[in-house]
Amino acid sequence: MPGPVDYAKIAIMPDQDTTEWYDAFKRKEFLIRQCKDCGHRFYPPLPACKKCASMNVGWHKIEGKGTIYSYIVVTQPILAHLVPTVPYVIAIVELPDGQNKDGSKTRIPALMMDDEKDCGIGAPVELAWDDHPKQDYKIPRWRVSDKHAKGVWHFGG
């Protein structure tokens, strides 16, 4: 299990494009952007649609489940709050409820709660939350929901 994340070393400072997104964290909700014109769902929470460039965007609450699309093991952190966490896994999680009409899927970066041995491409994951010690925010983390799932591929074999 990775070591603890030192959230006391970071301050969440929402701006006009991310205030609603961060406020959802307080309710343990994870939102992705959805275009009100073309319906495209995307991440990160940008102010305009990545597909049609419309500024008419809203939010879509994800159910908090997904599949690891890819991952990397970090052994040399560059962010101070992650130093005690090493080694840790950053995964790209593909969201089933982020599917778009054109067949593309929304993928998000995810700080995993699991060790490398439990993370693999195709592993099912679910959303979990950490508390920020100084602010009224929950911080999204992800964990493998079935460590014995079939067909999961691991680097190195």
N, C-alpha and C. Protein backbone atom coordinates (compact mmCIF):
# COMPACT_ATOMS: atom_id res chain seq x y z
N MET A 1 0.84 -1.18 0.00
CA MET A 1 0.00 0.00 0.00
C MET A 1 0.89 1.25 0.00
N PRO A 2 0.60 2.19 -0.88
CA PRO A 2 1.39 3.42 -0.88
C PRO A 2 1.30 4.13 0.47
N GLY A 3 2.32 4.90 0.78
CA GLY A 3 2.28 5.68 2.00
C GLY A 3 1.22 6.77 1.93
N PRO A 4 1.06 7.52 3.01
CA PRO A 4 0.02 8.56 3.03
C PRO A 4 0.38 9.76 2.16
N VAL A 5 -0.65 10.41 1.65
CA VAL A 5 -0.46 11.64 0.89
C VAL A 5 -0.53 12.79 1.89
N ASP A 6 0.42 13.70 1.84
CA ASP A 6 0.45 14.83 2.76
C ASP A 6 -0.32 16.01 2.16
N TYR A 7 -1.65 15.94 2.26
CA TYR A 7 -2.51 16.97 1.68
C TYR A 7 -2.34 18.33 2.35
N ALA A 8 -1.75 18.37 3.55
CA ALA A 8 -1.53 19.64 4.22
C ALA A 8 -0.59 20.55 3.41
N LYS A 9 0.15 19.96 2.48
CA LYS A 9 1.10 20.73 1.68
C LYS A 9 0.47 21.33 0.42
N ILE A 10 -0.82 21.08 0.20
CA ILE A 10 -1.47 21.66 -0.97
C ILE A 10 -2.70 22.46 -0.54
N ALA A 11 -2.99 23.49 -1.29
CA ALA A 11 -4.19 24.29 -1.05
C ALA A 11 -5.04 24.25 -2.32
N ILE A 12 -6.29 23.91 -2.16
CA ILE A 12 -7.21 23.90 -3.29
C ILE A 12 -7.73 25.31 -3.47
N MET A 13 -7.53 25.85 -4.66
CA MET A 13 -7.92 27.23 -4.95
C MET A 13 -8.73 27.25 -6.25
N PRO A 14 -10.04 27.01 -6.15
CA PRO A 14 -10.87 26.99 -7.36
C PRO A 14 -10.89 28.34 -8.07
N ASP A 15 -11.10 28.27 -9.39
CA ASP A 15 -11.28 29.48 -10.18
C ASP A 15 -12.68 29.44 -10.79
N GLN A 16 -13.00 30.37 -11.66
CA GLN A 16 -14.36 30.44 -12.19
C GLN A 16 -14.76 29.20 -12.98
N ASP A 17 -13.80 28.46 -13.52
CA ASP A 17 -14.11 27.27 -14.29
C ASP A 17 -14.15 25.99 -13.46
N THR A 18 -13.61 26.03 -12.25
CA THR A 18 -13.52 24.80 -11.45
C THR A 18 -14.25 24.85 -10.12
N THR A 19 -14.88 25.96 -9.77
CA THR A 19 -15.55 26.08 -8.47
C THR A 19 -16.61 24.99 -8.27
N GLU A 20 -17.49 24.81 -9.25
CA GLU A 20 -18.53 23.78 -9.12
C GLU A 20 -17.93 22.39 -9.02
N TRP A 21 -16.85 22.16 -9.76
CA TRP A 21 -16.17 20.87 -9.75
C TRP A 21 -15.61 20.57 -8.36
N TYR A 22 -14.90 21.53 -7.78
CA TYR A 22 -14.35 21.33 -6.44
C TYR A 22 -15.45 21.27 -5.38
N ASP A 23 -16.51 22.06 -5.52
CA ASP A 23 -17.61 22.00 -4.57
C ASP A 23 -18.25 20.62 -4.55
N ALA A 24 -18.29 19.96 -5.69
CA ALA A 24 -18.83 18.59 -5.75
C ALA A 24 -17.98 17.64 -4.91
N PHE A 25 -16.67 17.89 -4.81
CA PHE A 25 -15.80 17.06 -3.98
C PHE A 25 -16.25 17.07 -2.52
N LYS A 26 -16.77 18.17 -2.06
CA LYS A 26 -17.25 18.26 -0.68
C LYS A 26 -18.40 17.28 -0.43
N ARG A 27 -19.14 16.97 -1.49
CA ARG A 27 -20.27 16.03 -1.42
C ARG A 27 -19.87 14.62 -1.86
N LYS A 28 -18.57 14.41 -2.09
CA LYS A 28 -18.04 13.15 -2.61
C LYS A 28 -18.67 12.81 -3.96
N GLU A 29 -18.71 13.82 -4.82
CA GLU A 29 -19.18 13.63 -6.19
C GLU A 29 -18.07 14.03 -7.14
N PHE A 30 -17.89 13.23 -8.19
CA PHE A 30 -16.88 13.53 -9.20
C PHE A 30 -17.60 13.89 -10.48
N LEU A 31 -17.32 15.08 -11.00
CA LEU A 31 -17.98 15.59 -12.19
C LEU A 31 -17.01 15.65 -13.36
N ILE A 32 -17.53 15.37 -14.55
CA ILE A 32 -16.78 15.63 -15.77
C ILE A 32 -17.62 16.62 -16.59
N ARG A 33 -16.99 17.30 -17.51
CA ARG A 33 -17.69 18.26 -18.34
C ARG A 33 -18.54 17.53 -19.38
N GLN A 34 -19.69 18.16 -19.70
CA GLN A 34 -20.52 17.68 -20.78
C GLN A 34 -21.02 18.89 -21.57
N CYS A 35 -20.82 18.83 -22.88
CA CYS A 35 -21.26 19.92 -23.77
C CYS A 35 -22.78 19.87 -23.91
N LYS A 36 -23.41 21.01 -23.72
CA LYS A 36 -24.87 21.09 -23.86
C LYS A 36 -25.30 21.18 -25.32
N ASP A 37 -24.34 21.42 -26.22
CA ASP A 37 -24.67 21.51 -27.64
C ASP A 37 -24.50 20.16 -28.35
N CYS A 38 -23.32 19.53 -28.19
CA CYS A 38 -23.08 18.27 -28.92
C CYS A 38 -23.14 17.04 -28.02
N GLY A 39 -23.20 17.23 -26.69
CA GLY A 39 -23.31 16.10 -25.77
C GLY A 39 -21.99 15.46 -25.40
N HIS A 40 -20.88 15.93 -25.96
CA HIS A 40 -19.57 15.33 -25.70
C HIS A 40 -19.19 15.46 -24.22
N ARG A 41 -18.69 14.38 -23.64
CA ARG A 41 -18.21 14.37 -22.25
C ARG A 41 -16.69 14.36 -22.27
N PHE A 42 -16.08 15.16 -21.38
CA PHE A 42 -14.63 15.28 -21.42
C PHE A 42 -14.05 15.68 -20.06
N TYR A 43 -12.75 15.49 -19.94
CA TYR A 43 -11.97 15.83 -18.77
C TYR A 43 -10.61 16.26 -19.29
N PRO A 44 -9.95 17.24 -18.68
CA PRO A 44 -10.26 17.98 -17.47
C PRO A 44 -11.39 18.99 -17.67
N PRO A 45 -11.83 19.62 -16.57
CA PRO A 45 -12.96 20.56 -16.64
C PRO A 45 -12.61 21.89 -17.29
N LEU A 46 -12.49 21.86 -18.59
CA LEU A 46 -12.16 23.05 -19.37
C LEU A 46 -13.42 23.90 -19.60
N PRO A 47 -13.26 25.17 -19.93
CA PRO A 47 -14.42 26.05 -20.11
C PRO A 47 -15.12 25.89 -21.46
N ALA A 48 -14.51 25.14 -22.39
CA ALA A 48 -15.12 24.94 -23.71
C ALA A 48 -15.03 23.47 -24.10
N CYS A 49 -15.97 23.04 -24.92
CA CYS A 49 -16.02 21.66 -25.38
C CYS A 49 -14.78 21.32 -26.21
N LYS A 50 -14.20 20.16 -25.92
CA LYS A 50 -13.02 19.71 -26.66
C LYS A 50 -13.36 19.25 -28.07
N LYS A 51 -14.62 18.97 -28.32
CA LYS A 51 -15.02 18.47 -29.65
C LYS A 51 -15.51 19.59 -30.57
N CYS A 52 -16.42 20.44 -30.08
CA CYS A 52 -17.03 21.45 -30.96
C CYS A 52 -16.67 22.89 -30.58
N ALA A 53 -15.91 23.07 -29.49
CA ALA A 53 -15.45 24.38 -29.00
C ALA A 53 -16.57 25.25 -28.43
N SER A 54 -17.75 24.69 -28.21
CA SER A 54 -18.84 25.45 -27.60
C SER A 54 -18.50 25.81 -26.15
N MET A 55 -18.91 26.99 -25.76
CA MET A 55 -18.74 27.42 -24.37
C MET A 55 -19.98 27.05 -23.54
N ASN A 56 -20.94 26.42 -24.16
CA ASN A 56 -22.18 26.01 -23.50
C ASN A 56 -21.98 24.63 -22.89
N VAL A 57 -21.26 24.60 -21.78
CA VAL A 57 -20.92 23.33 -21.14
C VAL A 57 -21.53 23.25 -19.74
N GLY A 58 -21.78 22.03 -19.32
CA GLY A 58 -22.31 21.77 -17.98
C GLY A 58 -21.53 20.63 -17.36
N TRP A 59 -22.18 19.91 -16.48
CA TRP A 59 -21.51 18.85 -15.71
C TRP A 59 -22.27 17.54 -15.83
N HIS A 60 -21.51 16.45 -15.73
CA HIS A 60 -22.08 15.10 -15.69
C HIS A 60 -21.45 14.40 -14.49
N LYS A 61 -22.28 13.94 -13.57
CA LYS A 61 -21.79 13.22 -12.39
C LYS A 61 -21.51 11.77 -12.77
N ILE A 62 -20.28 11.32 -12.54
CA ILE A 62 -19.95 9.93 -12.84
C ILE A 62 -20.36 9.04 -11.67
N GLU A 63 -20.56 7.76 -11.96
CA GLU A 63 -20.97 6.83 -10.91
C GLU A 63 -19.80 6.40 -10.03
N GLY A 64 -18.59 6.62 -10.49
CA GLY A 64 -17.42 6.30 -9.67
C GLY A 64 -16.86 4.91 -9.90
N LYS A 65 -17.08 4.37 -11.06
CA LYS A 65 -16.51 3.08 -11.43
C LYS A 65 -15.82 3.23 -12.77
N GLY A 66 -14.84 2.38 -13.02
CA GLY A 66 -14.13 2.44 -14.27
C GLY A 66 -13.20 1.27 -14.43
N THR A 67 -12.32 1.37 -15.42
CA THR A 67 -11.35 0.33 -15.73
C THR A 67 -10.01 1.00 -15.99
N ILE A 68 -8.94 0.39 -15.50
CA ILE A 68 -7.61 0.94 -15.77
C ILE A 68 -7.29 0.75 -17.25
N TYR A 69 -7.05 1.87 -17.93
CA TYR A 69 -6.68 1.87 -19.34
C TYR A 69 -5.16 1.77 -19.49
N SER A 70 -4.43 2.42 -18.58
CA SER A 70 -2.98 2.38 -18.55
C SER A 70 -2.54 2.84 -17.15
N TYR A 71 -1.29 2.61 -16.83
CA TYR A 71 -0.80 3.06 -15.52
C TYR A 71 0.72 3.18 -15.53
N ILE A 72 1.21 3.88 -14.53
CA ILE A 72 2.65 4.05 -14.34
C ILE A 72 2.93 4.02 -12.84
N VAL A 73 4.09 3.52 -12.48
CA VAL A 73 4.52 3.52 -11.08
C VAL A 73 5.51 4.66 -10.90
N VAL A 74 5.21 5.54 -9.98
CA VAL A 74 6.05 6.70 -9.72
C VAL A 74 7.00 6.38 -8.56
N THR A 75 8.29 6.54 -8.81
CA THR A 75 9.28 6.29 -7.77
C THR A 75 10.08 7.55 -7.42
N GLN A 76 9.96 8.59 -8.23
CA GLN A 76 10.63 9.86 -7.99
C GLN A 76 9.60 10.99 -8.06
N PRO A 77 8.93 11.30 -6.97
CA PRO A 77 7.88 12.33 -7.03
C PRO A 77 8.47 13.72 -7.21
N ILE A 78 7.73 14.56 -7.91
CA ILE A 78 8.17 15.95 -8.07
C ILE A 78 7.28 16.90 -7.27
N LEU A 79 6.21 16.37 -6.70
CA LEU A 79 5.30 17.18 -5.90
C LEU A 79 5.49 16.83 -4.42
N ALA A 80 5.66 17.84 -3.59
CA ALA A 80 6.01 17.64 -2.17
C ALA A 80 4.99 16.81 -1.42
N HIS A 81 3.71 16.97 -1.73
CA HIS A 81 2.69 16.23 -0.97
C HIS A 81 2.69 14.74 -1.28
N LEU A 82 3.39 14.32 -2.34
CA LEU A 82 3.43 12.90 -2.70
C LEU A 82 4.73 12.21 -2.29
N VAL A 83 5.69 12.94 -1.73
CA VAL A 83 6.97 12.34 -1.33
C VAL A 83 6.77 11.16 -0.38
N PRO A 84 5.94 11.26 0.68
CA PRO A 84 5.79 10.12 1.58
C PRO A 84 5.00 8.94 0.99
N THR A 85 4.45 9.13 -0.19
CA THR A 85 3.59 8.14 -0.81
C THR A 85 4.35 7.13 -1.66
N VAL A 86 5.57 7.45 -2.06
CA VAL A 86 6.37 6.65 -3.00
C VAL A 86 6.60 5.24 -2.48
N PRO A 87 6.57 4.24 -3.36
CA PRO A 87 6.12 4.29 -4.75
C PRO A 87 4.59 4.27 -4.81
N TYR A 88 4.04 4.95 -5.81
CA TYR A 88 2.59 4.98 -5.98
C TYR A 88 2.23 4.82 -7.45
N VAL A 89 0.99 4.48 -7.68
CA VAL A 89 0.52 4.23 -9.05
C VAL A 89 -0.40 5.36 -9.48
N ILE A 90 -0.12 5.89 -10.66
CA ILE A 90 -1.04 6.81 -11.33
C ILE A 90 -1.62 6.02 -12.51
N ALA A 91 -2.93 5.93 -12.54
CA ALA A 91 -3.60 5.19 -13.62
C ALA A 91 -4.40 6.16 -14.48
N ILE A 92 -4.64 5.74 -15.69
CA ILE A 92 -5.61 6.40 -16.56
C ILE A 92 -6.85 5.51 -16.49
N VAL A 93 -7.92 6.06 -15.96
CA VAL A 93 -9.16 5.29 -15.77
C VAL A 93 -10.14 5.65 -16.87
N GLU A 94 -10.65 4.62 -17.51
CA GLU A 94 -11.67 4.79 -18.55
C GLU A 94 -13.04 4.66 -17.87
N LEU A 95 -13.88 5.66 -18.09
CA LEU A 95 -15.18 5.72 -17.43
C LEU A 95 -16.28 5.16 -18.33
N PRO A 96 -17.00 4.12 -17.90
CA PRO A 96 -18.08 3.60 -18.72
C PRO A 96 -19.21 4.61 -18.90
N ASP A 97 -19.42 5.47 -17.91
CA ASP A 97 -20.47 6.48 -18.04
C ASP A 97 -19.93 7.78 -18.64
N GLY A 98 -18.74 7.70 -19.23
CA GLY A 98 -18.18 8.81 -19.98
C GLY A 98 -18.16 8.52 -21.46
N GLN A 99 -18.87 7.47 -21.87
CA GLN A 99 -18.95 7.09 -23.29
C GLN A 99 -19.63 8.20 -24.09
N ASN A 100 -19.08 8.51 -25.24
CA ASN A 100 -19.64 9.53 -26.12
C ASN A 100 -20.36 8.91 -27.31
N LYS A 101 -21.20 9.69 -27.95
CA LYS A 101 -21.99 9.21 -29.10
C LYS A 101 -21.11 8.69 -30.23
N ASP A 102 -19.92 9.28 -30.38
CA ASP A 102 -19.01 8.86 -31.46
C ASP A 102 -18.18 7.63 -31.08
N GLY A 103 -18.42 7.06 -29.90
CA GLY A 103 -17.71 5.87 -29.45
C GLY A 103 -16.48 6.16 -28.61
N SER A 104 -16.03 7.42 -28.58
CA SER A 104 -14.87 7.76 -27.76
C SER A 104 -15.25 7.67 -26.28
N LYS A 105 -14.25 7.45 -25.46
CA LYS A 105 -14.48 7.30 -24.03
C LYS A 105 -13.72 8.36 -23.26
N THR A 106 -14.31 8.80 -22.18
CA THR A 106 -13.65 9.77 -21.32
C THR A 106 -12.69 9.01 -20.40
N ARG A 107 -11.48 9.51 -20.33
CA ARG A 107 -10.47 8.91 -19.45
C ARG A 107 -9.94 10.00 -18.53
N ILE A 108 -9.68 9.61 -17.28
CA ILE A 108 -9.19 10.57 -16.30
C ILE A 108 -7.96 10.01 -15.59
N PRO A 109 -7.06 10.89 -15.12
CA PRO A 109 -5.93 10.42 -14.32
C PRO A 109 -6.42 10.08 -12.91
N ALA A 110 -5.80 9.08 -12.31
CA ALA A 110 -6.25 8.62 -11.00
C ALA A 110 -5.07 8.23 -10.13
N LEU A 111 -5.01 8.80 -8.93
CA LEU A 111 -4.02 8.40 -7.94
C LEU A 111 -4.59 7.18 -7.23
N MET A 112 -3.92 6.05 -7.39
CA MET A 112 -4.43 4.78 -6.86
C MET A 112 -4.06 4.59 -5.38
N MET A 113 -4.91 3.87 -4.68
CA MET A 113 -4.66 3.49 -3.29
C MET A 113 -3.95 2.15 -3.20
N ASP A 114 -3.80 1.49 -4.34
CA ASP A 114 -3.25 0.14 -4.37
C ASP A 114 -1.80 0.13 -4.84
N ASP A 115 -1.11 -0.95 -4.48
CA ASP A 115 0.25 -1.17 -4.95
C ASP A 115 0.24 -1.61 -6.40
N GLU A 116 1.42 -1.58 -7.01
CA GLU A 116 1.57 -1.98 -8.41
C GLU A 116 1.08 -3.41 -8.64
N LYS A 117 1.30 -4.31 -7.71
CA LYS A 117 0.91 -5.71 -7.90
C LYS A 117 -0.60 -5.89 -8.07
N ASP A 118 -1.38 -4.96 -7.55
CA ASP A 118 -2.84 -5.05 -7.66
C ASP A 118 -3.41 -4.28 -8.83
N CYS A 119 -2.61 -3.38 -9.41
CA CYS A 119 -3.07 -2.55 -10.54
C CYS A 119 -2.63 -3.20 -11.85
N GLY A 120 -3.50 -3.18 -12.81
CA GLY A 120 -3.16 -3.72 -14.12
C GLY A 120 -4.14 -3.21 -15.15
N ILE A 121 -3.74 -3.26 -16.39
CA ILE A 121 -4.62 -2.81 -17.47
C ILE A 121 -5.83 -3.73 -17.54
N GLY A 122 -7.00 -3.12 -17.49
CA GLY A 122 -8.24 -3.88 -17.49
C GLY A 122 -8.81 -4.12 -16.10
N ALA A 123 -8.08 -3.73 -15.06
CA ALA A 123 -8.57 -3.94 -13.69
C ALA A 123 -9.75 -3.00 -13.41
N PRO A 124 -10.81 -3.54 -12.79
CA PRO A 124 -11.94 -2.68 -12.42
C PRO A 124 -11.57 -1.84 -11.20
N VAL A 125 -11.98 -0.57 -11.22
CA VAL A 125 -11.66 0.34 -10.12
C VAL A 125 -12.90 1.09 -9.67
N GLU A 126 -12.82 1.62 -8.45
CA GLU A 126 -13.92 2.42 -7.92
C GLU A 126 -13.35 3.63 -7.20
N LEU A 127 -14.16 4.66 -7.14
CA LEU A 127 -13.78 5.92 -6.53
C LEU A 127 -13.81 5.81 -5.01
N ALA A 128 -12.81 6.40 -4.37
CA ALA A 128 -12.74 6.49 -2.91
C ALA A 128 -12.35 7.94 -2.59
N TRP A 129 -12.38 8.30 -1.35
CA TRP A 129 -12.12 9.71 -1.00
C TRP A 129 -11.21 9.81 0.22
N ASP A 130 -10.30 10.77 0.16
CA ASP A 130 -9.46 11.15 1.30
C ASP A 130 -9.95 12.51 1.80
N ASP A 131 -9.70 12.80 3.06
CA ASP A 131 -10.03 14.10 3.61
C ASP A 131 -8.84 15.05 3.48
N HIS A 132 -9.13 16.29 3.16
CA HIS A 132 -8.08 17.32 3.19
C HIS A 132 -8.02 17.82 4.63
N PRO A 133 -6.84 17.83 5.26
CA PRO A 133 -6.76 18.18 6.69
C PRO A 133 -7.01 19.65 7.02
N LYS A 134 -6.89 20.54 6.04
CA LYS A 134 -7.01 21.97 6.32
C LYS A 134 -8.19 22.63 5.62
N GLN A 135 -8.78 21.95 4.67
CA GLN A 135 -9.89 22.52 3.92
C GLN A 135 -11.07 21.55 3.94
N ASP A 136 -12.23 22.06 3.62
CA ASP A 136 -13.45 21.25 3.67
C ASP A 136 -13.67 20.47 2.37
N TYR A 137 -12.60 19.90 1.83
CA TYR A 137 -12.69 19.15 0.58
C TYR A 137 -12.38 17.69 0.83
N LYS A 138 -12.98 16.85 0.03
CA LYS A 138 -12.60 15.45 -0.08
C LYS A 138 -11.73 15.38 -1.34
N ILE A 139 -10.75 14.49 -1.33
CA ILE A 139 -9.84 14.35 -2.45
C ILE A 139 -10.10 12.99 -3.10
N PRO A 140 -10.37 12.99 -4.42
CA PRO A 140 -10.65 11.70 -5.07
C PRO A 140 -9.41 10.82 -5.18
N ARG A 141 -9.59 9.58 -4.82
CA ARG A 141 -8.59 8.53 -5.02
C ARG A 141 -9.33 7.36 -5.65
N TRP A 142 -8.63 6.40 -6.14
CA TRP A 142 -9.23 5.23 -6.76
C TRP A 142 -8.61 3.98 -6.19
N ARG A 143 -9.40 2.90 -6.16
CA ARG A 143 -8.88 1.61 -5.68
C ARG A 143 -9.41 0.50 -6.58
N VAL A 144 -8.63 -0.56 -6.68
CA VAL A 144 -9.04 -1.73 -7.46
C VAL A 144 -10.20 -2.39 -6.72
N SER A 145 -11.29 -2.63 -7.43
CA SER A 145 -12.48 -3.19 -6.79
C SER A 145 -12.52 -4.71 -6.85
N ASP A 146 -11.74 -5.33 -7.74
CA ASP A 146 -11.68 -6.80 -7.81
C ASP A 146 -10.24 -7.19 -8.12
N LYS A 147 -9.51 -7.56 -7.09
CA LYS A 147 -8.09 -7.88 -7.26
C LYS A 147 -7.86 -9.22 -7.93
N HIS A 148 -8.93 -9.96 -8.19
CA HIS A 148 -8.81 -11.26 -8.85
C HIS A 148 -9.53 -11.28 -10.20
N ALA A 149 -9.80 -10.12 -10.76
CA ALA A 149 -10.50 -10.03 -12.04
C ALA A 149 -9.68 -10.74 -13.13
N LYS A 150 -10.35 -11.40 -14.01
CA LYS A 150 -9.71 -12.13 -15.10
C LYS A 150 -9.36 -11.17 -16.24
N GLY A 151 -8.28 -11.49 -16.95
CA GLY A 151 -7.89 -10.74 -18.12
C GLY A 151 -7.13 -9.45 -17.83
N VAL A 152 -6.73 -9.24 -16.59
CA VAL A 152 -5.97 -8.03 -16.24
C VAL A 152 -4.52 -8.24 -16.64
N TRP A 153 -3.94 -7.24 -17.32
CA TRP A 153 -2.58 -7.33 -17.79
C TRP A 153 -1.67 -6.46 -16.91
N HIS A 154 -0.55 -7.04 -16.47
CA HIS A 154 0.42 -6.33 -15.63
C HIS A 154 1.71 -6.13 -16.39
N PHE A 155 2.36 -4.99 -16.20
CA PHE A 155 3.68 -4.79 -16.79
C PHE A 155 4.62 -5.84 -16.26
N GLY A 156 5.48 -6.36 -17.10
CA GLY A 156 6.47 -7.34 -16.66
C GLY A 156 5.90 -8.73 -16.55
N GLY A 157 4.73 -9.00 -17.07
CA GLY A 157 4.26 -10.37 -17.08
C GLY A 157 2.92 -10.59 -16.66
